Amino acid sequence: MNVTLKNRDIDRGLILLGPFVKRGLPVKLSFAIAKTTRRLKEVIDIIIDERKKLVKKHQLTDVEG
């Protein structure tokens, strides 16, 4: 099943998964949450890197640089 998410939805989802990771959950569910979290963190890292590149490219600079 394919689901399309926006970048902000992925970021919010990672924040919401935090409390579930800290709970004592069954092994199967805990493993599934860990796998999902790992995949989403990879996507978020790419988004953050690209956002930094865009900011650096389009930022305004003063006389000193």
N, C-alpha and C. Protein backbone atom coordinates (compact mmCIF):
# COMPACT_ATOMS: atom_id res chain seq x y z
N MET A 1 0.84 -1.17 0.00
CA MET A 1 0.00 0.00 0.00
C MET A 1 0.89 1.24 0.00
N ASN A 2 0.73 2.08 -0.99
CA ASN A 2 1.51 3.31 -1.08
C ASN A 2 0.72 4.47 -0.48
N VAL A 3 1.41 5.26 0.31
CA VAL A 3 0.82 6.43 0.93
C VAL A 3 1.69 7.62 0.57
N THR A 4 1.07 8.71 0.16
CA THR A 4 1.80 9.93 -0.17
C THR A 4 1.68 10.90 1.00
N LEU A 5 2.83 11.32 1.53
CA LEU A 5 2.86 12.24 2.65
C LEU A 5 3.60 13.50 2.26
N LYS A 6 3.21 14.60 2.87
CA LYS A 6 3.94 15.85 2.70
C LYS A 6 5.10 15.85 3.69
N ASN A 7 6.09 16.66 3.40
CA ASN A 7 7.28 16.72 4.25
C ASN A 7 6.93 17.05 5.70
N ARG A 8 6.03 18.00 5.89
CA ARG A 8 5.68 18.39 7.26
C ARG A 8 4.94 17.26 7.97
N ASP A 9 4.19 16.45 7.22
CA ASP A 9 3.51 15.30 7.83
C ASP A 9 4.52 14.27 8.33
N ILE A 10 5.58 14.08 7.57
CA ILE A 10 6.63 13.14 7.98
C ILE A 10 7.30 13.64 9.25
N ASP A 11 7.61 14.93 9.29
CA ASP A 11 8.27 15.51 10.46
C ASP A 11 7.38 15.39 11.69
N ARG A 12 6.10 15.72 11.55
CA ARG A 12 5.17 15.61 12.68
C ARG A 12 4.98 14.16 13.10
N GLY A 13 4.97 13.27 12.15
CA GLY A 13 4.79 11.85 12.45
C GLY A 13 5.91 11.30 13.31
N LEU A 14 7.13 11.74 13.02
CA LEU A 14 8.27 11.29 13.83
C LEU A 14 8.14 11.77 15.27
N ILE A 15 7.65 12.99 15.43
CA ILE A 15 7.47 13.53 16.77
C ILE A 15 6.40 12.74 17.52
N LEU A 16 5.33 12.38 16.83
CA LEU A 16 4.25 11.64 17.46
C LEU A 16 4.63 10.19 17.78
N LEU A 17 5.59 9.63 17.06
CA LEU A 17 6.01 8.26 17.33
C LEU A 17 6.86 8.14 18.59
N GLY A 18 7.42 9.25 19.05
CA GLY A 18 8.29 9.25 20.22
C GLY A 18 7.69 8.58 21.45
N PRO A 19 6.49 8.98 21.88
CA PRO A 19 5.90 8.34 23.07
C PRO A 19 5.64 6.84 22.90
N PHE A 20 5.33 6.40 21.69
CA PHE A 20 5.08 4.98 21.46
C PHE A 20 6.35 4.16 21.61
N VAL A 21 7.47 4.74 21.22
CA VAL A 21 8.74 4.02 21.32
C VAL A 21 9.11 3.79 22.78
N LYS A 22 8.76 4.75 23.64
CA LYS A 22 9.12 4.66 25.06
C LYS A 22 8.25 3.66 25.82
N ARG A 23 7.08 3.33 25.30
CA ARG A 23 6.18 2.39 25.96
C ARG A 23 6.70 0.96 25.82
N GLY A 24 6.22 0.12 26.70
CA GLY A 24 6.54 -1.30 26.59
C GLY A 24 5.56 -1.97 25.65
N LEU A 25 5.88 -2.04 24.38
CA LEU A 25 4.99 -2.60 23.38
C LEU A 25 5.41 -4.02 23.02
N PRO A 26 4.50 -4.78 22.42
CA PRO A 26 4.88 -6.11 21.94
C PRO A 26 6.02 -6.01 20.92
N VAL A 27 6.80 -7.06 20.84
CA VAL A 27 8.00 -7.06 20.02
C VAL A 27 7.69 -6.76 18.56
N LYS A 28 6.67 -7.39 18.01
CA LYS A 28 6.33 -7.18 16.60
C LYS A 28 6.01 -5.72 16.31
N LEU A 29 5.19 -5.12 17.17
CA LEU A 29 4.80 -3.73 16.99
C LEU A 29 5.99 -2.81 17.19
N SER A 30 6.79 -3.08 18.20
CA SER A 30 7.98 -2.27 18.46
C SER A 30 8.94 -2.31 17.28
N PHE A 31 9.12 -3.49 16.70
CA PHE A 31 9.99 -3.65 15.54
C PHE A 31 9.46 -2.86 14.35
N ALA A 32 8.15 -2.92 14.11
CA ALA A 32 7.54 -2.20 12.99
C ALA A 32 7.70 -0.69 13.17
N ILE A 33 7.51 -0.21 14.39
CA ILE A 33 7.66 1.23 14.65
C ILE A 33 9.11 1.65 14.45
N ALA A 34 10.05 0.83 14.90
CA ALA A 34 11.47 1.15 14.74
C ALA A 34 11.86 1.21 13.27
N LYS A 35 11.36 0.26 12.47
CA LYS A 35 11.65 0.25 11.03
C LYS A 35 11.09 1.50 10.36
N THR A 36 9.86 1.84 10.69
CA THR A 36 9.22 3.01 10.11
C THR A 36 9.96 4.28 10.50
N THR A 37 10.32 4.38 11.76
CA THR A 37 11.05 5.56 12.24
C THR A 37 12.38 5.71 11.52
N ARG A 38 13.09 4.61 11.34
CA ARG A 38 14.39 4.66 10.65
C ARG A 38 14.22 5.17 9.22
N ARG A 39 13.22 4.67 8.52
CA ARG A 39 12.99 5.11 7.13
C ARG A 39 12.61 6.58 7.07
N LEU A 40 11.76 7.02 7.98
CA LEU A 40 11.33 8.41 7.98
C LEU A 40 12.48 9.35 8.34
N LYS A 41 13.36 8.92 9.24
CA LYS A 41 14.51 9.76 9.60
C LYS A 41 15.44 9.96 8.41
N GLU A 42 15.59 8.94 7.59
CA GLU A 42 16.41 9.08 6.38
C GLU A 42 15.81 10.13 5.46
N VAL A 43 14.50 10.11 5.30
CA VAL A 43 13.82 11.09 4.45
C VAL A 43 13.96 12.49 5.03
N ILE A 44 13.78 12.62 6.33
CA ILE A 44 13.89 13.92 6.99
C ILE A 44 15.31 14.48 6.85
N ASP A 45 16.32 13.64 6.96
CA ASP A 45 17.71 14.10 6.79
C ASP A 45 17.93 14.67 5.40
N ILE A 46 17.38 14.04 4.39
CA ILE A 46 17.50 14.54 3.01
C ILE A 46 16.78 15.87 2.89
N ILE A 47 15.60 15.97 3.46
CA ILE A 47 14.82 17.22 3.39
C ILE A 47 15.59 18.35 4.06
N ILE A 48 16.17 18.10 5.21
CA ILE A 48 16.92 19.13 5.93
C ILE A 48 18.13 19.57 5.12
N ASP A 49 18.86 18.63 4.53
CA ASP A 49 20.03 18.99 3.71
C ASP A 49 19.62 19.84 2.52
N GLU A 50 18.56 19.47 1.83
CA GLU A 50 18.11 20.24 0.67
C GLU A 50 17.61 21.62 1.08
N ARG A 51 16.94 21.70 2.22
CA ARG A 51 16.46 22.99 2.71
C ARG A 51 17.63 23.92 3.01
N LYS A 52 18.70 23.36 3.61
CA LYS A 52 19.89 24.17 3.90
C LYS A 52 20.53 24.68 2.62
N LYS A 53 20.58 23.83 1.58
CA LYS A 53 21.14 24.25 0.30
C LYS A 53 20.34 25.39 -0.30
N LEU A 54 19.01 25.29 -0.24
CA LEU A 54 18.16 26.34 -0.79
C LEU A 54 18.32 27.65 -0.03
N VAL A 55 18.40 27.57 1.28
CA VAL A 55 18.57 28.79 2.08
C VAL A 55 19.90 29.43 1.76
N LYS A 56 20.95 28.63 1.66
CA LYS A 56 22.28 29.17 1.35
C LYS A 56 22.29 29.81 -0.04
N LYS A 57 21.61 29.20 -0.99
CA LYS A 57 21.59 29.70 -2.36
C LYS A 57 20.82 31.01 -2.48
N HIS A 58 19.73 31.14 -1.73
CA HIS A 58 18.84 32.28 -1.91
C HIS A 58 18.90 33.31 -0.78
N GLN A 59 19.84 33.16 0.13
CA GLN A 59 19.91 34.12 1.23
C GLN A 59 20.48 35.45 0.75
N LEU A 60 20.07 36.49 1.41
CA LEU A 60 20.59 37.82 1.11
C LEU A 60 21.83 38.04 1.96
N THR A 61 22.84 38.66 1.38
CA THR A 61 24.07 38.93 2.13
C THR A 61 24.29 40.43 2.21
N ASP A 62 24.99 40.85 3.27
CA ASP A 62 25.31 42.27 3.41
C ASP A 62 26.67 42.55 2.79
N VAL A 63 27.23 43.71 3.05
CA VAL A 63 28.48 44.13 2.44
C VAL A 63 29.63 43.19 2.83
N GLU A 64 29.62 42.69 4.05
CA GLU A 64 30.71 41.85 4.53
C GLU A 64 30.58 40.40 4.09
N GLY A 65 29.50 40.05 3.46
CA GLY A 65 29.36 38.69 2.95
C GLY A 65 28.25 37.98 3.61
